[in-house]
Protein backbone atom coordinates (compact mmCIF):
# COMPACT_ATOMS: atom_id res chain seq x y z
CA MET A 1 0.02 0.08 0.08
CA THR A 2 1.51 3.62 -0.58
CA LYS A 3 0.86 6.09 1.47
CA ALA A 4 -1.37 8.73 1.36
CA ARG A 5 -3.06 11.96 2.94
CA PHE A 6 -6.60 11.90 3.97
CA VAL A 7 -8.32 15.75 4.62
CA VAL A 8 -11.59 16.26 6.33
CA ASP A 9 -12.98 20.06 6.14
CA LYS A 10 -16.12 21.17 7.33
CA LYS A 11 -15.90 24.54 6.89
CA MET A 12 -15.37 25.07 2.87
CA THR A 13 -17.34 26.60 0.78
CA GLY A 14 -18.20 25.68 -3.27
CA VAL A 15 -15.80 28.38 -4.49
CA GLU A 16 -13.08 27.29 -2.23
CA ILE A 17 -12.88 23.58 -3.86
CA LEU A 18 -12.33 25.83 -6.81
CA VAL A 19 -8.96 27.25 -5.62
CA LEU A 20 -7.86 23.55 -4.24
CA PHE A 21 -8.56 22.06 -8.05
CA GLY A 22 -6.51 25.23 -9.16
CA SER A 23 -3.33 24.56 -6.78
CA LEU A 24 -3.33 20.92 -5.77
CA PRO A 25 -2.39 19.25 -9.15
CA ARG A 26 0.68 22.06 -9.16
CA LEU A 27 1.93 21.35 -6.01
CA ARG A 28 1.49 17.70 -6.24
CA ASP A 29 3.65 17.87 -9.56
CA ALA A 30 5.82 19.98 -7.71
CA ASP A 31 6.06 17.02 -5.06
CA LYS A 32 5.12 19.57 -2.22
CA ILE A 33 2.30 17.76 -1.11
CA PRO A 34 1.68 13.95 -0.95
CA ASN A 35 -1.29 12.01 -2.91
CA THR A 36 -4.46 13.30 -1.15
CA LEU A 37 -7.91 12.15 -0.57
CA PHE A 38 -10.01 15.37 0.63
CA VAL A 39 -13.91 15.08 2.11
CA LEU A 40 -15.42 18.90 2.70
CA THR A 41 -18.54 20.27 3.74
CA TRP A 42 -19.93 23.31 2.71
CA ASP A 43 -20.70 25.57 5.59
CA ARG A 44 -22.33 28.42 3.64
CA PRO A 45 -24.16 28.68 0.17
CA SER A 46 -22.11 29.55 -3.37
CA VAL A 47 -22.01 29.15 -7.05
CA SER A 48 -18.85 28.13 -9.08
CA LEU A 49 -18.73 28.42 -12.43
CA GLY A 50 -16.06 26.46 -15.17
CA LYS A 51 -13.82 28.55 -17.11
CA TYR A 52 -15.87 28.61 -20.43
CA GLU A 53 -19.50 28.37 -19.10
CA ASP A 54 -21.58 31.08 -19.97
CA LEU A 55 -22.49 33.43 -17.23
CA ASP A 56 -26.23 34.13 -19.00
CA GLY A 57 -26.86 30.46 -17.84
CA LEU A 58 -27.24 31.81 -14.40
CA LYS A 59 -29.80 34.79 -12.90
CA TYR A 60 -26.69 36.63 -11.62
CA GLU A 61 -28.78 39.53 -10.49
CA ASN A 62 -30.65 37.49 -8.34
CA LEU A 63 -27.28 35.66 -7.03
CA LYS A 64 -25.84 38.94 -6.12
CA ARG A 65 -29.19 40.51 -4.11
CA ASP A 66 -29.42 37.81 -2.18
CA LYS A 67 -25.48 37.97 -1.56
CA ILE A 68 -24.86 34.51 -2.78
CA LEU A 69 -20.58 33.73 -2.92
CA ILE A 70 -19.94 33.40 -6.86
CA GLY A 71 -16.85 32.56 -8.38
CA ARG A 72 -15.22 31.04 -11.41
CA ARG A 73 -12.63 28.98 -11.57
CA PRO A 74 -9.51 29.49 -14.05
CA SER A 75 -10.41 25.77 -15.63
CA GLY A 76 -12.94 23.17 -15.89
CA ALA A 77 -16.63 22.46 -16.42
CA GLY A 78 -20.03 23.23 -15.55
CA ILE A 79 -21.80 24.79 -12.65
CA LEU A 80 -21.42 23.74 -8.71
CA TRP A 81 -24.38 24.78 -6.48
CA ALA A 82 -23.10 24.46 -3.07
CA PRO A 83 -25.60 24.89 -0.19
CA PRO A 84 -24.82 24.64 3.71
CA GLY A 85 -24.69 20.92 4.48
CA GLY A 86 -23.73 19.62 1.01
CA MET A 87 -20.42 17.93 0.32
CA GLY A 88 -17.29 17.48 -2.11
CA ALA A 89 -14.87 15.17 -2.25
CA GLY A 90 -11.81 14.77 -4.67
CA ILE A 91 -8.33 13.29 -4.90
CA VAL A 92 -5.18 14.54 -6.34
CA VAL A 93 -2.74 12.06 -7.28
CA THR A 94 0.34 11.48 -10.25
CA LYS A 95 -0.35 10.24 -13.82
CA ASP A 96 1.09 6.75 -12.25
CA VAL A 97 -2.45 6.60 -10.68
CA PHE A 98 -4.69 8.17 -13.37
CA PRO A 99 -2.89 8.83 -16.90
CA ASN A 100 -5.33 11.46 -18.35
CA ILE A 101 -8.54 13.48 -17.52
CA ASP A 102 -10.90 10.38 -19.12
CA THR A 103 -9.41 7.66 -17.03
CA ALA A 104 -9.13 9.58 -13.75
CA GLU A 105 -13.21 10.53 -14.33
CA ARG A 106 -14.29 7.24 -15.05
CA ILE A 107 -12.18 5.40 -12.02
CA TRP A 108 -13.22 8.32 -10.00
CA ALA A 109 -16.83 8.49 -10.69
CA GLY A 110 -17.43 5.52 -12.36
CA GLU A 111 -16.01 3.30 -9.98
CA ILE A 112 -15.55 5.23 -6.49
CA VAL A 113 -18.45 7.09 -6.39
CA THR A 114 -20.71 5.17 -7.57
CA GLU A 115 -19.55 2.42 -5.14
CA LEU A 116 -19.96 4.93 -2.25
CA TYR A 117 -23.95 5.72 -2.99
CA ARG A 118 -24.25 1.74 -3.55
CA ARG A 119 -22.74 1.50 0.40
CA ALA A 120 -24.56 4.13 1.02
CA GLY A 121 -28.11 2.25 0.40
CA ILE A 122 -28.67 3.25 -3.42
CA SER A 123 -28.39 -0.20 -5.37
CA ASP A 124 -29.54 1.30 -8.80
CA VAL A 125 -26.95 3.84 -8.94
CA TRP A 126 -25.33 4.19 -12.63
CA TYR A 127 -22.21 6.43 -14.14
CA LYS A 128 -23.96 7.70 -17.36
CA HIS A 129 -20.65 9.26 -18.61
CA PRO A 130 -18.11 11.82 -17.47
CA GLY A 131 -19.45 14.18 -15.15
CA ASP A 132 -22.98 12.44 -14.27
CA VAL A 133 -23.53 9.84 -11.30
CA LYS A 134 -27.23 9.26 -11.72
CA ILE A 135 -30.10 6.93 -10.30
CA GLY A 136 -32.46 6.60 -13.36
CA GLU A 137 -31.92 9.97 -14.85
CA ARG A 138 -31.93 12.36 -11.36
CA LYS A 139 -28.38 13.41 -10.92
CA LEU A 140 -26.46 12.45 -7.70
CA SER A 141 -23.12 13.59 -8.52
CA GLY A 142 -21.09 15.85 -11.35
CA THR A 143 -17.56 15.36 -11.73
CA THR A 144 -14.60 17.56 -12.90
CA CYS A 145 -10.65 16.87 -13.36
CA ILE A 146 -7.86 19.14 -14.11
CA GLU A 147 -4.02 18.32 -15.09
CA PHE A 148 -1.15 20.16 -14.17
CA GLY A 149 2.21 18.14 -15.40
CA LYS A 150 2.44 15.11 -13.38
CA GLY A 151 -0.52 16.08 -11.16
CA ILE A 152 -4.16 15.45 -11.81
CA ILE A 153 -7.26 16.15 -9.45
CA VAL A 154 -10.53 14.79 -10.07
CA GLY A 155 -13.18 15.61 -7.43
CA SER A 156 -17.30 15.58 -7.29
CA PHE A 157 -20.46 17.05 -5.30
CA ILE A 158 -21.89 14.50 -3.08
CA ASN A 159 -25.51 14.76 -2.72
CA ARG A 160 -26.07 13.39 0.86
CA ILE A 161 -28.96 15.53 1.88
CA LYS A 162 -31.66 16.33 0.17
CA PRO A 163 -30.80 19.36 -2.55
CA ASP A 164 -32.20 22.64 -2.48
CA THR A 165 -34.78 23.44 -4.99
CA LYS A 166 -33.91 27.03 -4.73
CA PHE A 167 -30.86 27.17 -6.69
CA PHE A 168 -33.21 25.65 -10.01
CA GLU A 169 -36.09 28.09 -9.22
CA ASP A 170 -34.51 31.31 -8.66
CA TYR A 171 -30.83 30.99 -9.86
CA LEU A 172 -30.57 28.73 -13.05
CA ILE A 173 -31.24 29.63 -16.22
CA TYR A 174 -31.50 25.47 -17.35
CA PRO A 175 -31.23 24.91 -21.49
CA GLU A 176 -33.67 23.42 -23.00
CA GLU A 177 -31.48 21.10 -25.05
CA LYS A 178 -30.17 19.36 -21.46
CA LEU A 179 -33.99 18.99 -20.07
CA LYS A 180 -34.86 17.32 -23.35
CA ASP A 181 -31.86 15.27 -22.97
CA LYS A 182 -32.86 14.23 -19.36
CA MET A 183 -36.49 13.69 -19.93
CA LEU A 184 -37.72 15.76 -17.52
CA LYS A 185 -40.60 18.03 -17.55
CA ASP A 186 -38.99 20.09 -14.32
CA ILE A 187 -35.61 20.81 -13.55
CA THR A 188 -36.61 20.23 -10.14
CA GLU A 189 -37.03 16.84 -10.65
CA TYR A 190 -33.69 16.67 -11.41
CA ALA A 191 -31.58 16.28 -8.67
CA ALA A 192 -30.99 13.25 -6.18
CA SER A 193 -29.44 12.20 -2.99
CA ILE A 194 -29.33 9.71 -0.54
CA GLU A 195 -31.37 11.22 1.72
CA THR A 196 -34.20 11.14 -0.50
CA HIS A 197 -33.19 7.49 -2.01
CA ALA A 198 -31.21 5.52 0.53
CA PRO A 199 -32.67 3.38 3.15
CA LYS A 200 -31.36 6.12 5.60
CA LEU A 201 -29.08 9.26 6.01
CA ILE A 202 -25.87 8.24 6.44
CA SER A 203 -23.68 10.93 8.29
CA GLU A 204 -20.94 13.36 7.06
CA ASP A 205 -18.30 10.81 9.12
CA GLU A 206 -19.93 8.14 7.34
CA VAL A 207 -19.39 9.40 3.86
CA ALA A 208 -15.50 9.98 4.56
CA LYS A 209 -15.16 6.54 6.39
CA ILE A 210 -16.54 4.89 2.86
CA LEU A 211 -14.83 6.85 0.58
CA GLN A 212 -11.34 6.28 2.18
CA ASP A 213 -12.08 2.73 2.34
CA ILE A 214 -13.27 2.44 -1.36
CA VAL A 215 -10.13 4.47 -2.69
CA ARG A 216 -7.95 1.94 -0.38
CA GLU A 217 -9.50 -1.07 -2.18
CA LYS A 218 -9.48 0.60 -5.59
CA LEU A 219 -6.40 2.52 -5.61
CA GLY A 220 -4.09 0.70 -2.99
CA LEU A 221 -3.75 3.78 -1.29
CA GLU A 222 -3.14 3.66 2.87
CA PHE A 223 -4.30 6.80 4.76
CA GLU A 224 -3.18 8.80 7.13
CA PRO A 225 -4.94 12.17 8.41
CA GLY A 226 -3.70 15.58 7.63
CA THR A 227 -4.62 18.65 7.48
CA TRP A 228 -3.41 21.52 5.22
CA THR A 229 -0.24 22.67 4.62
CA GLN A 230 0.69 26.41 4.86
CA ASP A 231 1.25 26.18 0.80
CA GLU A 232 -2.23 25.54 0.26
CA LYS A 233 -3.55 28.10 2.96
CA ASN A 234 -2.07 30.49 0.69
CA PHE A 235 -3.17 29.39 -2.49
CA LEU A 236 -6.60 29.41 -0.92
CA GLN A 237 -6.62 33.20 0.02
CA PHE A 238 -4.84 34.61 -2.71
CA GLY A 239 -7.07 32.37 -5.07
CA MET A 240 -10.57 33.10 -3.57
CA SER A 241 -9.69 36.93 -4.00
CA MET A 242 -9.00 36.28 -7.75
CA LEU A 243 -11.69 33.78 -8.59
CA THR A 244 -14.50 36.14 -6.78
CA ASP A 245 -13.80 39.06 -8.53
CA GLU A 246 -16.28 40.66 -10.32
CA LYS A 247 -14.31 40.89 -13.96
CA MET A 248 -13.62 37.45 -13.38
CA VAL A 249 -17.07 36.18 -12.79
CA THR A 250 -18.20 37.84 -15.87
CA SER A 251 -15.68 37.20 -18.17
CA VAL A 252 -17.75 34.60 -20.17
CA SER A 253 -21.12 35.61 -21.08
CA HIS A 254 -22.49 35.76 -24.91
CA SER A 255 -24.61 38.49 -24.11
CA LYS A 256 -21.30 40.51 -23.43
CA TRP A 257 -19.80 39.30 -26.58
CA TYR A 258 -22.58 40.43 -28.69
CA SER A 259 -22.57 43.50 -27.27
CA GLN A 260 -18.95 44.40 -27.99
CA LEU A 261 -19.08 43.43 -31.88
CA GLN A 262 -17.91 45.30 -34.00
CA ASP A 263 -20.13 47.16 -36.85
CA GLY A 264 -20.54 45.67 -39.93
CA LEU A 265 -20.56 41.83 -38.58
CA ALA A 266 -23.67 39.12 -38.69
CA ALA A 267 -23.78 37.03 -35.57
CA ALA A 268 -25.18 33.89 -34.81
CA THR A 269 -25.30 31.21 -31.83
CA TYR A 270 -25.73 27.65 -31.97
CA ARG A 271 -26.01 25.14 -28.89
CA PHE A 272 -25.48 21.28 -29.62
CA LYS A 273 -26.04 18.96 -26.73
CA THR A 274 -23.64 15.72 -27.01
CA MET A 275 -22.82 14.17 -23.74
CA LYS A 276 -21.47 17.55 -22.91
CA LEU A 277 -23.80 20.73 -24.06
CA ILE A 278 -21.52 22.90 -26.74
CA SER A 279 -22.56 26.31 -27.62
CA ALA A 280 -21.02 28.21 -30.53
CA ASN A 281 -21.00 32.20 -30.96
CA VAL A 282 -19.76 33.09 -34.48
CA ALA A 283 -19.82 36.26 -35.68
CA VAL A 284 -18.78 36.74 -39.61
CA ASP A 285 -17.77 39.85 -42.06
CA LYS A 286 -18.80 40.76 -45.69
CA ASP A 287 -17.00 37.90 -47.05
CA LYS A 288 -18.43 35.12 -45.03
CA ARG A 289 -14.85 34.89 -42.66
CA ILE A 290 -14.98 33.84 -39.15
CA ARG A 291 -14.11 37.53 -37.16
CA ASP A 292 -14.95 36.48 -33.34
CA ILE A 293 -16.18 33.69 -31.69
CA LEU A 294 -16.96 32.32 -28.51
CA ILE A 295 -17.54 29.06 -27.72
CA THR A 296 -19.35 28.20 -23.86
CA GLY A 297 -20.12 25.06 -22.21
CA ASP A 298 -19.83 22.19 -19.69
CA PHE A 299 -16.93 20.39 -21.83
CA LEU A 300 -14.03 19.27 -20.17
CA ILE A 301 -10.48 20.49 -21.81
CA SER A 302 -6.92 20.37 -20.36
CA PRO A 303 -4.72 22.73 -20.34
CA ALA A 304 -7.59 25.10 -19.97
CA GLU A 305 -5.76 27.57 -21.78
CA GLY A 306 -6.81 25.01 -25.32
CA TRP A 307 -10.00 26.80 -25.37
CA GLU A 308 -8.45 30.52 -26.16
CA LYS A 309 -6.22 28.33 -28.57
CA ILE A 310 -9.39 26.65 -30.52
CA MET A 311 -11.27 29.68 -30.71
CA GLU A 312 -8.10 31.75 -31.83
CA SER A 313 -7.41 28.76 -34.98
CA LEU A 314 -10.86 29.68 -36.34
CA LYS A 315 -10.70 33.21 -36.61
CA GLY A 316 -10.33 34.10 -40.86
CA LEU A 317 -11.62 31.10 -41.94
CA LYS A 318 -14.73 30.83 -44.40
CA ALA A 319 -17.63 30.32 -41.90
CA ASP A 320 -19.39 28.24 -44.68
CA ASP A 321 -15.69 25.83 -45.31
CA GLU A 322 -16.68 22.61 -43.05
CA GLY A 323 -13.47 20.88 -43.85
CA ALA A 324 -11.18 23.94 -43.00
CA ILE A 325 -13.09 24.31 -39.70
CA LYS A 326 -12.59 20.78 -38.67
CA LYS A 327 -9.26 20.46 -39.88
CA ALA A 328 -8.08 23.78 -37.69
CA ILE A 329 -10.04 22.28 -34.67
CA ARG A 330 -8.30 18.73 -35.03
CA GLU A 331 -4.76 20.41 -35.34
CA THR A 332 -5.30 23.04 -32.77
CA PHE A 333 -6.09 19.64 -30.11
CA GLU A 334 -3.18 17.72 -32.00
CA LYS A 335 -0.66 20.53 -31.78
CA ASN A 336 -1.12 21.47 -28.20
CA LYS A 337 -1.84 18.07 -26.87
CA ILE A 338 -5.27 19.13 -25.48
CA ASP A 339 -6.93 16.29 -23.49
CA TYR A 340 -10.67 15.91 -23.35
CA SER A 341 -13.42 14.19 -22.22
CA GLY A 342 -17.12 14.09 -23.25
CA PHE A 343 -17.66 15.11 -26.67
CA THR A 344 -15.64 14.19 -29.85
CA LEU A 345 -14.22 16.93 -32.20
CA ASP A 346 -16.61 17.00 -34.53
CA ASP A 347 -19.46 17.60 -31.68
CA MET A 348 -16.72 20.51 -31.37
CA ALA A 349 -16.90 21.51 -34.86
CA LYS A 350 -21.06 20.99 -35.05
CA PRO A 351 -21.68 24.20 -33.50
CA VAL A 352 -19.38 26.38 -35.01
CA ILE A 353 -20.38 25.35 -38.42
CA GLU A 354 -24.19 25.53 -37.76
CA ALA A 355 -23.91 29.17 -35.79
CA GLY A 356 -21.76 29.90 -38.82
CA LYS A 357 -24.20 29.18 -41.73
CA LEU A 358 -26.61 31.40 -39.07
CA ALA A 359 -24.69 34.08 -39.16
CA ILE A 360 -23.94 34.14 -42.93
CA GLN A 361 -27.70 34.02 -43.53
CA LYS A 362 -28.12 37.33 -41.29
CA LEU A 363 -25.83 39.23 -43.59
CA LYS A 364 -27.08 42.05 -45.56
């Protein structure tokens, strides 16, 4: 058995876990921390956005009105609602344990988190695809993963208690494409929990113990109790000020993008739901060339900077040249060694191509 650290922290928020996701793989890459399993409990409400998640998917003014902590992580995918009493868990290791993000998500979510719910008493839990652990079509956990050098971190929210529907009712604008895909009439039907679907509600400490046992069995890690190091605490303090800054939070917004377009361009949006939702906002000039583009969604790529490189590679291309668009995307992924999960490269190209067609139709 390989020695590893086990950290339990019951005074965290869903934004602070974002800072951990940005810092822990870097510290692990530099051998400043050991392999670490952590289990967290949220002590106040928060909402966090992935790097390329569209702010317009949230009722931002409502969140500010209710003084909800909001942050945007510098990488990763999806929107995380972290109500008080909710939980999160994750593990940071090296790539000899998880060689890439797809493997990390499959083993963590598909084998470890699903087994947690089974041992909690939910027998019909299943792993749909990266990001989704479900009972039927109701979601129990979402997952995200980030890598840096040899360090890699993967984690999930854990629905121990009954989800608060306030987020879905007051703060979230849920895409019709996702609702249709999940075969649900009402998004408040979407979330499930141990409290609502298991024979009994297990405690936070029981969640931590079960996870520890499963990871020991699956990955061969022997845990010793630990706490955050000073380096980790410093990262948390600095990261919180950066990720909660309003400029960072509002940095990705299709309405903001439209408002800043140059005169003379025609623009359109197309959303495509594969395993993940990918939305492309494309602006073309009179020659039908792509002059500006914003791709958003809950997809997952690593390194996160690959997102900007993908969009930059498409500028100047003819919006109606499907072959050139697919080639540019493929070559950008290959050249920059971009790892990805939850979609194919053709999935990434499709909304760009379709948005380009719609934009061309708007040219005068």
